[in-house]
N, C-alpha and C. Protein backbone atom coordinates (compact mmCIF):
# COMPACT_ATOMS: atom_id res chain seq x y z
N MET A 1 63.54 117.95 106.07
CA MET A 1 62.82 116.83 106.65
C MET A 1 61.32 117.04 106.44
N LEU A 2 60.68 116.02 105.96
CA LEU A 2 59.23 116.03 105.80
C LEU A 2 58.61 115.59 107.12
N VAL A 3 57.66 116.34 107.63
CA VAL A 3 56.98 115.99 108.87
C VAL A 3 55.51 115.75 108.55
N LEU A 4 55.02 114.57 108.92
CA LEU A 4 53.63 114.19 108.66
C LEU A 4 52.95 113.79 109.96
N SER A 5 51.68 114.08 110.06
CA SER A 5 50.89 113.61 111.20
C SER A 5 50.07 112.41 110.74
N ARG A 6 50.04 111.37 111.56
CA ARG A 6 49.27 110.18 111.24
C ARG A 6 48.55 109.73 112.51
N LYS A 7 47.39 109.15 112.35
CA LYS A 7 46.64 108.57 113.45
C LYS A 7 46.79 107.06 113.38
N ARG A 8 46.29 106.38 114.41
CA ARG A 8 46.35 104.93 114.46
C ARG A 8 45.70 104.34 113.20
N ASN A 9 46.35 103.35 112.64
CA ASN A 9 45.92 102.65 111.42
C ASN A 9 46.07 103.46 110.15
N GLU A 10 46.68 104.63 110.22
CA GLU A 10 46.99 105.38 109.01
C GLU A 10 48.42 105.07 108.59
N ALA A 11 48.71 105.26 107.32
CA ALA A 11 50.01 104.84 106.78
C ALA A 11 50.68 105.95 106.00
N ILE A 12 51.96 105.73 105.75
CA ILE A 12 52.77 106.58 104.89
C ILE A 12 53.38 105.66 103.83
N GLN A 13 53.31 106.06 102.60
CA GLN A 13 53.89 105.29 101.49
C GLN A 13 55.22 105.92 101.11
N VAL A 14 56.28 105.11 101.04
CA VAL A 14 57.60 105.56 100.62
C VAL A 14 57.92 104.86 99.31
N GLY A 15 57.93 105.60 98.23
CA GLY A 15 58.14 104.99 96.92
C GLY A 15 57.01 104.02 96.63
N GLU A 16 57.28 103.04 95.81
CA GLU A 16 56.25 102.06 95.44
C GLU A 16 56.22 100.86 96.37
N ASP A 17 57.33 100.61 97.09
CA ASP A 17 57.49 99.34 97.78
C ASP A 17 57.43 99.38 99.30
N ILE A 18 57.42 100.56 99.90
CA ILE A 18 57.52 100.64 101.36
C ILE A 18 56.31 101.36 101.93
N GLU A 19 55.68 100.72 102.89
CA GLU A 19 54.54 101.32 103.59
C GLU A 19 54.79 101.26 105.09
N ILE A 20 54.62 102.39 105.76
CA ILE A 20 54.81 102.48 107.20
C ILE A 20 53.46 102.81 107.82
N THR A 21 52.98 101.95 108.72
CA THR A 21 51.66 102.10 109.32
C THR A 21 51.79 102.31 110.82
N VAL A 22 51.02 103.25 111.36
CA VAL A 22 50.95 103.45 112.81
C VAL A 22 50.01 102.38 113.36
N LEU A 23 50.55 101.46 114.15
CA LEU A 23 49.76 100.36 114.68
C LEU A 23 49.13 100.69 116.02
N ALA A 24 49.87 101.42 116.86
CA ALA A 24 49.37 101.73 118.20
C ALA A 24 50.07 102.97 118.73
N ILE A 25 49.37 103.66 119.60
CA ILE A 25 49.94 104.81 120.29
C ILE A 25 49.71 104.57 121.77
N GLU A 26 50.81 104.46 122.53
CA GLU A 26 50.73 104.16 123.96
C GLU A 26 51.60 105.15 124.72
N GLY A 27 50.99 106.15 125.32
CA GLY A 27 51.75 107.17 126.04
C GLY A 27 52.64 107.92 125.08
N ASP A 28 53.95 107.93 125.37
CA ASP A 28 54.89 108.65 124.51
C ASP A 28 55.56 107.75 123.48
N GLN A 29 55.02 106.55 123.27
CA GLN A 29 55.56 105.63 122.29
C GLN A 29 54.53 105.32 121.21
N ILE A 30 55.02 105.07 120.02
CA ILE A 30 54.17 104.58 118.95
C ILE A 30 54.73 103.26 118.46
N LYS A 31 53.87 102.41 117.95
CA LYS A 31 54.31 101.16 117.34
C LYS A 31 54.05 101.30 115.85
N LEU A 32 55.12 101.04 115.07
CA LEU A 32 55.04 101.15 113.63
C LEU A 32 55.14 99.78 113.00
N GLY A 33 54.40 99.57 111.94
CA GLY A 33 54.54 98.38 111.11
C GLY A 33 55.12 98.82 109.78
N ILE A 34 56.13 98.10 109.31
CA ILE A 34 56.79 98.46 108.06
C ILE A 34 56.68 97.30 107.09
N SER A 35 56.08 97.57 105.94
CA SER A 35 56.00 96.58 104.87
C SER A 35 56.97 97.00 103.79
N ALA A 36 57.95 96.13 103.51
CA ALA A 36 58.97 96.43 102.51
C ALA A 36 59.47 95.11 101.93
N PRO A 37 60.06 95.17 100.74
CA PRO A 37 60.65 93.96 100.17
C PRO A 37 61.74 93.39 101.09
N LYS A 38 61.90 92.08 101.07
CA LYS A 38 62.91 91.44 101.92
C LYS A 38 64.32 91.90 101.59
N SER A 39 64.52 92.43 100.40
CA SER A 39 65.85 92.88 100.00
C SER A 39 66.25 94.20 100.67
N ILE A 40 65.31 94.85 101.34
CA ILE A 40 65.59 96.12 102.01
C ILE A 40 65.81 95.86 103.49
N ASP A 41 66.99 96.23 104.00
CA ASP A 41 67.29 96.09 105.41
C ASP A 41 66.61 97.21 106.19
N ILE A 42 66.01 96.86 107.32
CA ILE A 42 65.34 97.84 108.18
C ILE A 42 65.90 97.69 109.58
N TYR A 43 66.44 98.78 110.12
CA TYR A 43 67.04 98.79 111.45
C TYR A 43 66.53 99.98 112.25
N ARG A 44 66.53 99.82 113.57
CA ARG A 44 66.39 101.01 114.43
C ARG A 44 67.65 101.84 114.23
N LYS A 45 67.53 103.14 114.32
CA LYS A 45 68.65 104.04 114.02
C LYS A 45 69.88 103.70 114.85
N GLU A 46 69.73 103.46 116.16
CA GLU A 46 70.90 103.20 117.01
C GLU A 46 71.61 101.92 116.61
N ILE A 47 70.87 100.93 116.12
CA ILE A 47 71.48 99.68 115.66
C ILE A 47 72.23 99.93 114.35
N TYR A 48 71.62 100.68 113.45
CA TYR A 48 72.25 101.00 112.17
C TYR A 48 73.57 101.75 112.38
N VAL A 49 73.57 102.73 113.27
CA VAL A 49 74.79 103.50 113.55
C VAL A 49 75.86 102.58 114.13
N ASP A 50 75.48 101.66 115.02
CA ASP A 50 76.43 100.73 115.61
C ASP A 50 77.03 99.81 114.54
N ILE A 51 76.20 99.31 113.63
CA ILE A 51 76.69 98.45 112.54
C ILE A 51 77.69 99.22 111.68
N GLN A 52 77.37 100.46 111.34
CA GLN A 52 78.27 101.27 110.53
C GLN A 52 79.60 101.49 111.23
N GLN A 53 79.54 101.76 112.53
CA GLN A 53 80.77 101.98 113.31
C GLN A 53 81.62 100.70 113.33
N GLN A 54 80.98 99.56 113.54
CA GLN A 54 81.72 98.30 113.55
C GLN A 54 82.33 98.01 112.19
N ASN A 55 81.61 98.29 111.12
CA ASN A 55 82.15 98.09 109.77
C ASN A 55 83.35 98.98 109.52
N ASN A 56 83.27 100.23 109.95
CA ASN A 56 84.39 101.16 109.78
C ASN A 56 85.60 100.70 110.57
N GLU A 57 85.39 100.23 111.81
CA GLU A 57 86.50 99.74 112.63
C GLU A 57 87.13 98.51 111.99
N ALA A 58 86.32 97.61 111.46
CA ALA A 58 86.84 96.41 110.81
C ALA A 58 87.64 96.78 109.56
N ALA A 59 87.16 97.75 108.82
CA ALA A 59 87.88 98.19 107.62
C ALA A 59 89.22 98.81 107.99
N ASN A 60 89.26 99.58 109.07
CA ASN A 60 90.51 100.19 109.51
C ASN A 60 91.51 99.13 109.96
N VAL A 61 91.03 98.11 110.67
CA VAL A 61 91.91 97.02 111.10
C VAL A 61 92.45 96.31 109.88
N SER A 62 91.62 96.08 108.89
CA SER A 62 92.06 95.40 107.67
C SER A 62 93.12 96.21 106.95
N LEU A 63 92.95 97.52 106.90
CA LEU A 63 93.95 98.38 106.26
C LEU A 63 95.26 98.35 107.02
N ASP A 64 95.16 98.41 108.35
CA ASP A 64 96.37 98.34 109.18
C ASP A 64 97.09 97.01 108.97
N LEU A 65 96.32 95.93 108.91
CA LEU A 65 96.91 94.60 108.70
C LEU A 65 97.58 94.52 107.34
N LEU A 66 96.95 95.06 106.31
CA LEU A 66 97.55 95.07 104.98
C LEU A 66 98.86 95.84 104.97
N GLU A 67 98.89 96.95 105.67
CA GLU A 67 100.13 97.74 105.74
C GLU A 67 101.23 96.95 106.43
N LEU A 68 100.89 96.25 107.52
CA LEU A 68 101.89 95.43 108.23
C LEU A 68 102.40 94.31 107.32
N LEU A 69 101.50 93.66 106.61
CA LEU A 69 101.91 92.60 105.69
C LEU A 69 102.78 93.13 104.57
N LYS A 70 102.43 94.29 104.06
CA LYS A 70 103.20 94.92 102.98
C LYS A 70 104.61 95.25 103.47
N ASP A 71 104.70 95.81 104.68
CA ASP A 71 105.99 96.18 105.25
C ASP A 71 106.83 94.95 105.57
N SER A 72 106.21 93.84 105.97
CA SER A 72 106.97 92.65 106.31
C SER A 72 107.53 91.94 105.08
N ASN A 73 107.00 92.22 103.91
CA ASN A 73 107.47 91.60 102.68
C ASN A 73 108.61 92.37 102.03
N LYS A 74 109.01 93.48 102.62
CA LYS A 74 110.11 94.27 102.03
C LYS A 74 111.45 93.70 102.39
């Protein structure tokens, strides 16, 4: 993991297309601004993990349903 220190209004460049800027520091929270192409999805980590979990559950249900359909056609 790369660890960088940044002050307010300083930025980090990720590749050519993504820039992350520290907008504000308030107590134990920071506000970040992220500039990236619209084609790149940006999520808070907990939301991303939840989406992945829901996708995995939906895929498992689909596989179970396919197995039931396959067995009913025998």
